[in-house]
Amino acid sequence: MTGADKTMVVRKQHGIILEDRKTLTLTGVKAVAGFDEQKIVLMTELGELTIKGNALHINDFSHESGELSLDGSVDSLVYTEDKRQEGGFFSRLLK
């Protein structure tokens, strides 16, 4: 294979900055899967991220850079592994 035939997957770095549980800045966001004032679901470089709280509002999202900022009252951040990338239970078991 030549260099042109190889496809390289570049992962963006994923980071979270939470200030006073009111302002949240994230990097490495691939997409916004859903949102309302109590819950925001994001697809990140490290899997699905669910943010729960009150009066949540997305201020800015750049798909190109993967940066997202939001404000509101943040109660929880929960990651769910992306099973499609990991391959499921048996593929992890057989590694």
Protein backbone atom coordinates (compact mmCIF):
# COMPACT_ATOMS: atom_id res chain seq x y z
CA MET A 1 0.00 0.00 0.00
CA THR A 2 1.21 3.46 -0.77
CA GLY A 3 0.96 6.44 1.55
CA ALA A 4 -2.08 7.70 -0.37
CA ASP A 5 -3.92 4.38 0.20
CA LYS A 6 -3.61 4.47 3.98
CA THR A 7 -6.43 6.08 5.88
CA MET A 8 -5.42 7.64 9.14
CA VAL A 9 -7.92 8.30 11.91
CA VAL A 10 -6.93 11.35 13.91
CA ARG A 11 -8.53 11.68 17.31
CA LYS A 12 -8.92 15.13 18.76
CA GLN A 13 -8.00 15.58 22.39
CA HIS A 14 -10.99 15.54 24.75
CA GLY A 15 -11.09 17.87 27.75
CA ILE A 16 -13.56 19.32 30.23
CA ILE A 17 -13.39 22.54 32.22
CA LEU A 18 -16.22 23.05 34.72
CA GLU A 19 -16.29 26.36 36.58
CA ASP A 20 -18.48 26.71 39.69
CA ARG A 21 -20.86 24.04 38.27
CA LYS A 22 -22.26 26.81 36.04
CA THR A 23 -19.98 27.14 33.02
CA LEU A 24 -18.78 24.08 31.10
CA THR A 25 -16.26 24.10 28.24
CA LEU A 26 -15.49 20.91 26.30
CA THR A 27 -13.08 19.91 23.55
CA GLY A 28 -13.16 16.76 21.42
CA VAL A 29 -16.92 16.93 20.81
CA LYS A 30 -17.99 15.19 17.59
CA ALA A 31 -21.73 15.95 17.65
CA VAL A 32 -24.69 17.03 19.75
CA ALA A 33 -27.06 14.05 19.83
CA GLY A 34 -29.83 15.78 21.76
CA PHE A 35 -30.54 18.55 24.23
CA ASP A 36 -33.11 20.27 26.37
CA GLU A 37 -32.92 22.39 29.54
CA GLN A 38 -32.35 19.36 31.80
CA LYS A 39 -30.14 17.10 29.66
CA ILE A 40 -27.56 17.41 26.88
CA VAL A 41 -26.21 14.30 25.10
CA LEU A 42 -22.91 14.66 23.23
CA MET A 43 -20.81 12.31 21.14
CA THR A 44 -17.18 12.83 22.14
CA GLU A 45 -13.84 11.31 21.20
CA LEU A 46 -14.20 9.06 24.29
CA GLY A 47 -17.82 7.98 23.83
CA GLU A 48 -21.23 9.37 24.65
CA LEU A 49 -21.39 12.05 27.35
CA THR A 50 -24.65 12.92 29.10
CA ILE A 51 -24.79 16.19 31.01
CA LYS A 52 -27.70 16.65 33.43
CA GLY A 53 -28.77 19.78 35.26
CA ASN A 54 -31.16 22.71 35.15
CA ALA A 55 -31.48 25.66 32.76
CA LEU A 56 -28.78 24.16 30.50
CA HIS A 57 -28.02 26.27 27.44
CA ILE A 58 -25.46 25.62 24.67
CA ASN A 59 -23.68 28.92 24.00
CA ASP A 60 -21.38 27.82 21.18
CA PHE A 61 -20.48 24.66 19.27
CA SER A 62 -17.88 24.40 16.52
CA HIS A 63 -18.03 21.10 14.64
CA GLU A 64 -14.70 21.88 12.94
CA SER A 65 -12.71 22.39 16.17
CA GLY A 66 -14.85 20.15 18.39
CA GLU A 67 -15.27 22.87 21.01
CA LEU A 68 -18.53 23.39 22.88
CA SER A 69 -19.47 25.75 25.69
CA LEU A 70 -22.61 25.77 27.80
CA ASP A 71 -24.00 27.34 30.93
CA GLY A 72 -26.62 26.44 33.50
CA SER A 73 -26.64 24.44 36.71
CA VAL A 74 -24.60 21.25 36.05
CA ASP A 75 -25.55 18.31 38.29
CA SER A 76 -23.82 15.36 36.60
CA LEU A 77 -21.55 14.24 33.76
CA VAL A 78 -21.87 10.58 32.74
CA TYR A 79 -19.89 8.75 30.04
CA THR A 80 -21.22 5.75 28.16
CA GLU A 81 -18.76 3.73 26.11
CA ASP A 82 -19.36 3.63 22.39
CA LYS A 83 -20.03 -0.11 21.93
CA ARG A 84 -19.75 0.17 18.15
CA GLN A 85 -16.08 1.17 18.44
CA GLU A 86 -15.20 -1.28 21.21
CA GLY A 87 -16.80 -4.30 19.53
CA GLY A 88 -18.83 -5.58 22.48
CA PHE A 89 -18.23 -7.91 25.40
CA PHE A 90 -16.70 -10.89 23.58
CA SER A 91 -14.22 -8.90 21.54
CA ARG A 92 -12.95 -7.24 24.76
CA LEU A 93 -12.84 -10.63 26.48
CA LEU A 94 -10.72 -12.16 23.70
CA LYS A 95 -8.14 -9.37 23.52
